[in-house]
Amino acid sequence: MPEEFLQLDIFRPSIFDFAANLFVALGCGILIALVYRFTYRGASYSASFVNSLVLLALITSVVILVIGNNLARAFGLVGAMSIIRFRTAVRDVQDIVFIFFTLTIGMAAGVGLNSVAILGTLFVCLTIILLNTIGFGSPARMKHLLQVSHTGDAEQESALQAVIKKHSRRIQLMNVRTLPDKVGTEAFYHLSLRNVKKQSEFIRDLRALEFVASVNLLFEEEGGDTPTS
């Protein structure tokens, strides 16, 4: 490869362009980190990862500014980076998406495409927030666990099922067992209620059945179960 081609360097931004690119990368990196923090739903939140997103945008921008159009610098940087070993496992696929997102915006800011960096950051961040708000891609969850103990026969159990279906959109029988005294049955259901505000009415209707001994309604949250009885 000709030496003149390797030393070609026509990308020489002024100090003002350099500062502008860095500030754009910083602003976009902060916005991306805030969106990640707002939309994160995992169990092991890492503040260092959020800070790293901001720094990653800045560092990528500086790297692109250093390389410019010089192939020799590019090959030298690849050789220098090859000695680094990244051994930290990424916990979530979404973390990889945010890393790639930050790298892309940092590259755009580094080459001076500040309008692309800003508009791209705003559009992608708004899309992430929208998908997170509407729960796009999330499977339908049974949000309540119902525990019912009763002593009814088959006909009375039909009345129990009618009350459950009246207040629930989806029903899934999880487990049925005979009580220790062998005079009753305990059943567990996963439910999705038609109207969450009518939990008390649902419990009253169940307790109004004479053969029902006890009722427990648990609301399933990510952090645990909240009982309502």
Protein backbone atom coordinates (compact mmCIF):
# COMPACT_ATOMS: atom_id res chain seq x y z
CA MET A 1 0.00 0.00 0.00
CA PRO A 2 1.52 3.42 -0.94
CA GLU A 3 2.97 5.39 1.97
CA GLU A 4 1.19 8.54 0.81
CA PHE A 5 -2.15 6.75 1.13
CA LEU A 6 -1.37 5.59 4.67
CA GLN A 7 -0.41 9.10 5.73
CA LEU A 8 -3.45 10.75 4.17
CA ASP A 9 -4.99 13.00 6.78
CA ILE A 10 -7.51 15.52 5.51
CA PHE A 11 -9.74 15.37 8.62
CA ARG A 12 -8.39 18.12 10.88
CA PRO A 13 -11.15 19.78 12.90
CA SER A 14 -10.54 23.08 14.60
CA ILE A 15 -10.49 23.37 18.37
CA PHE A 16 -14.05 24.72 18.26
CA ASP A 17 -15.27 21.77 16.18
CA PHE A 18 -13.45 19.42 18.54
CA ALA A 19 -15.16 20.98 21.58
CA ALA A 20 -18.56 21.00 19.87
CA ASN A 21 -18.28 17.31 18.99
CA LEU A 22 -17.33 16.42 22.55
CA PHE A 23 -20.21 18.40 24.05
CA VAL A 24 -22.67 16.77 21.65
CA ALA A 25 -21.30 13.33 22.58
CA LEU A 26 -21.55 14.22 26.28
CA GLY A 27 -25.14 15.44 26.01
CA CYS A 28 -26.25 12.44 23.98
CA GLY A 29 -24.45 10.05 26.33
CA ILE A 30 -26.17 11.57 29.38
CA LEU A 31 -29.57 11.29 27.69
CA ILE A 32 -28.95 7.65 26.75
CA ALA A 33 -27.85 6.87 30.33
CA LEU A 34 -30.98 8.53 31.77
CA VAL A 35 -33.22 6.56 29.42
CA TYR A 36 -31.46 3.34 30.42
CA ARG A 37 -31.96 4.21 34.09
CA PHE A 38 -35.64 5.03 33.52
CA THR A 39 -36.43 1.88 31.52
CA TYR A 40 -34.29 -0.64 33.43
CA ARG A 41 -36.39 -3.44 34.93
CA GLY A 42 -33.74 -5.94 35.98
CA ALA A 43 -32.80 -7.06 39.48
CA SER A 44 -29.15 -5.91 39.55
CA TYR A 45 -28.99 -2.24 38.61
CA SER A 46 -25.43 -0.98 38.18
CA ALA A 47 -24.63 2.72 38.58
CA SER A 48 -21.17 2.11 37.14
CA PHE A 49 -22.73 0.79 33.91
CA VAL A 50 -24.86 3.96 33.61
CA ASN A 51 -21.77 6.13 34.10
CA SER A 52 -19.89 3.99 31.58
CA LEU A 53 -22.49 4.77 28.91
CA VAL A 54 -21.73 8.49 29.24
CA LEU A 55 -17.98 7.90 29.14
CA LEU A 56 -18.29 5.47 26.24
CA ALA A 57 -19.94 8.12 24.07
CA LEU A 58 -17.17 10.60 24.89
CA ILE A 59 -14.33 8.11 24.38
CA THR A 60 -15.73 6.87 21.07
CA SER A 61 -15.98 10.45 19.88
CA VAL A 62 -12.35 11.13 20.85
CA VAL A 63 -11.20 7.92 19.14
CA ILE A 64 -12.91 8.89 15.89
CA LEU A 65 -11.38 12.37 16.10
CA VAL A 66 -7.93 10.87 16.65
CA ILE A 67 -8.22 8.45 13.74
CA GLY A 68 -9.69 10.92 11.27
CA ASN A 69 -9.01 9.66 7.74
CA ASN A 70 -5.59 8.26 8.62
CA LEU A 71 -5.39 4.51 8.02
CA ALA A 72 -2.08 4.22 9.85
CA ARG A 73 -3.69 5.60 13.01
CA ALA A 74 -6.62 3.25 12.58
CA PHE A 75 -4.39 0.16 12.34
CA GLY A 76 -2.29 1.39 15.24
CA LEU A 77 -5.37 1.87 17.41
CA VAL A 78 -6.61 -1.63 16.56
CA GLY A 79 -3.25 -3.03 17.62
CA ALA A 80 -3.29 -1.06 20.86
CA MET A 81 -6.86 -2.11 21.69
CA SER A 82 -6.07 -5.78 21.01
CA ILE A 83 -4.18 -6.01 24.31
CA ILE A 84 -7.36 -5.23 26.26
CA ARG A 85 -9.45 -8.18 27.42
CA PHE A 86 -13.11 -7.62 28.29
CA ARG A 87 -14.12 -10.34 30.72
CA THR A 88 -17.27 -8.79 32.21
CA ALA A 89 -20.33 -10.76 31.15
CA VAL A 90 -23.25 -8.66 29.93
CA ARG A 91 -26.28 -9.46 32.08
CA ASP A 92 -29.04 -8.49 29.68
CA VAL A 93 -29.47 -8.28 25.92
CA GLN A 94 -30.78 -4.74 26.39
CA ASP A 95 -27.41 -3.76 27.91
CA ILE A 96 -25.75 -4.78 24.63
CA VAL A 97 -28.27 -2.66 22.71
CA PHE A 98 -27.46 0.40 24.82
CA ILE A 99 -23.71 -0.18 24.41
CA PHE A 100 -24.08 -0.39 20.61
CA PHE A 101 -26.40 2.64 20.66
CA THR A 102 -23.85 4.68 22.62
CA LEU A 103 -20.98 3.63 20.35
CA THR A 104 -22.93 4.64 17.25
CA ILE A 105 -23.83 8.06 18.63
CA GLY A 106 -20.24 8.61 19.74
CA MET A 107 -19.02 7.80 16.23
CA ALA A 108 -21.53 10.21 14.68
CA ALA A 109 -20.43 12.99 17.02
CA GLY A 110 -16.77 12.17 16.41
CA VAL A 111 -16.99 12.69 12.65
CA GLY A 112 -18.89 15.94 13.11
CA LEU A 113 -22.37 14.67 12.22
CA ASN A 114 -23.82 16.42 15.25
CA SER A 115 -27.32 16.76 13.82
CA VAL A 116 -27.39 13.01 13.12
CA ALA A 117 -26.15 12.28 16.65
CA ILE A 118 -28.75 14.53 18.30
CA LEU A 119 -31.73 13.53 16.16
CA GLY A 120 -30.75 9.85 16.28
CA THR A 121 -30.46 9.95 20.06
CA LEU A 122 -33.84 11.67 20.47
CA PHE A 123 -35.66 9.35 18.08
CA VAL A 124 -34.22 6.11 19.46
CA CYS A 125 -34.69 7.23 23.09
CA LEU A 126 -38.34 8.14 22.44
CA THR A 127 -38.85 4.75 20.78
CA ILE A 128 -37.31 2.94 23.77
CA ILE A 129 -39.52 4.87 26.22
CA LEU A 130 -42.63 4.19 24.12
CA LEU A 131 -41.96 0.45 23.88
CA ASN A 132 -41.27 0.31 27.61
CA THR A 133 -44.43 2.27 28.48
CA ILE A 134 -46.83 0.15 26.44
CA GLY A 135 -45.09 -3.09 27.46
CA PHE A 136 -44.45 -4.07 23.84
CA GLY A 137 -43.30 -7.66 23.56
CA SER A 138 -44.25 -8.57 27.11
CA PRO A 139 -46.25 -11.80 27.47
CA ALA A 140 -49.65 -11.71 29.07
CA ARG A 141 -49.13 -12.20 32.81
CA MET A 142 -51.41 -13.67 35.39
CA LYS A 143 -51.03 -11.01 38.06
CA HIS A 144 -52.96 -12.58 40.93
CA LEU A 145 -52.70 -15.84 42.83
CA LEU A 146 -55.92 -17.05 44.41
CA GLN A 147 -55.94 -19.61 47.23
CA VAL A 148 -59.35 -21.05 48.08
CA SER A 149 -60.21 -23.71 50.67
CA HIS A 150 -63.70 -25.19 50.45
CA THR A 151 -65.74 -28.21 51.46
CA GLY A 152 -68.19 -28.23 48.59
CA ASP A 153 -69.20 -31.05 46.29
CA ALA A 154 -69.05 -30.98 42.49
CA GLU A 155 -72.25 -28.91 42.16
CA GLN A 156 -71.08 -26.35 44.71
CA GLU A 157 -67.68 -26.18 43.06
CA SER A 158 -69.41 -25.10 39.85
CA ALA A 159 -70.80 -22.12 41.78
CA LEU A 160 -67.26 -21.31 42.91
CA GLN A 161 -66.02 -21.44 39.32
CA ALA A 162 -68.85 -19.14 38.23
CA VAL A 163 -67.78 -16.47 40.76
CA ILE A 164 -64.15 -16.74 39.68
CA LYS A 165 -65.04 -16.43 35.99
CA LYS A 166 -67.28 -13.45 36.74
CA HIS A 167 -64.33 -11.41 38.05
CA SER A 168 -61.48 -12.83 35.93
CA ARG A 169 -60.49 -12.54 32.29
CA ARG A 170 -58.00 -15.41 32.36
CA ILE A 171 -57.87 -18.35 34.76
CA GLN A 172 -55.22 -21.02 35.18
CA LEU A 173 -55.58 -23.79 37.77
CA MET A 174 -52.14 -24.31 39.32
CA ASN A 175 -52.64 -26.93 42.03
CA VAL A 176 -55.34 -28.82 43.92
CA ARG A 177 -54.78 -30.74 47.15
CA THR A 178 -56.87 -32.40 49.81
CA LEU A 179 -56.77 -30.76 53.23
CA PRO A 180 -55.24 -32.78 56.10
CA ASP A 181 -58.65 -33.52 57.67
CA LYS A 182 -59.82 -34.94 54.30
CA VAL A 183 -63.06 -32.97 54.52
CA GLY A 184 -62.07 -30.18 52.19
CA THR A 185 -60.06 -29.13 49.14
CA GLU A 186 -57.55 -26.36 48.65
CA ALA A 187 -57.07 -24.95 45.14
CA PHE A 188 -54.58 -22.43 43.72
CA TYR A 189 -55.38 -20.32 40.65
CA HIS A 190 -53.42 -17.80 38.59
CA LEU A 191 -55.79 -15.01 37.61
CA SER A 192 -55.99 -11.83 35.60
CA LEU A 193 -58.84 -9.80 37.09
CA ARG A 194 -61.28 -7.86 34.93
CA ASN A 195 -61.18 -4.90 37.29
CA VAL A 196 -58.36 -4.67 39.84
CA LYS A 197 -60.31 -2.09 41.83
CA LYS A 198 -62.97 -4.71 42.61
CA GLN A 199 -60.67 -7.05 44.56
CA SER A 200 -62.68 -6.55 47.77
CA GLU A 201 -65.93 -7.30 45.96
CA PHE A 202 -64.36 -10.45 44.50
CA ILE A 203 -63.32 -11.67 47.94
CA ARG A 204 -66.76 -10.88 49.40
CA ASP A 205 -68.48 -12.88 46.65
CA LEU A 206 -66.23 -15.86 47.36
CA ARG A 207 -66.76 -15.68 51.11
CA ALA A 208 -70.51 -15.42 50.57
CA LEU A 209 -70.45 -19.04 49.43
CA GLU A 210 -71.24 -21.09 52.52
CA PHE A 211 -68.93 -23.96 51.63
CA VAL A 212 -65.85 -21.70 51.23
CA ALA A 213 -63.65 -21.92 54.34
CA SER A 214 -60.90 -19.40 53.52
CA VAL A 215 -59.80 -17.08 50.72
CA ASN A 216 -56.40 -15.51 50.05
CA LEU A 217 -55.71 -13.27 47.07
CA LEU A 218 -52.05 -12.46 46.36
CA PHE A 219 -50.92 -9.72 43.99
CA GLU A 220 -47.76 -10.82 42.23
CA GLU A 221 -45.10 -8.14 41.96
CA GLU A 222 -41.45 -8.42 40.81
CA GLY A 223 -40.32 -7.95 44.36
CA GLY A 224 -42.69 -10.43 45.98
CA ASP A 225 -46.35 -11.18 46.73
CA THR A 226 -48.70 -8.80 48.48
CA PRO A 227 -51.54 -10.70 50.17
CA THR A 228 -55.13 -9.54 50.24
CA SER A 229 -57.48 -11.63 52.28
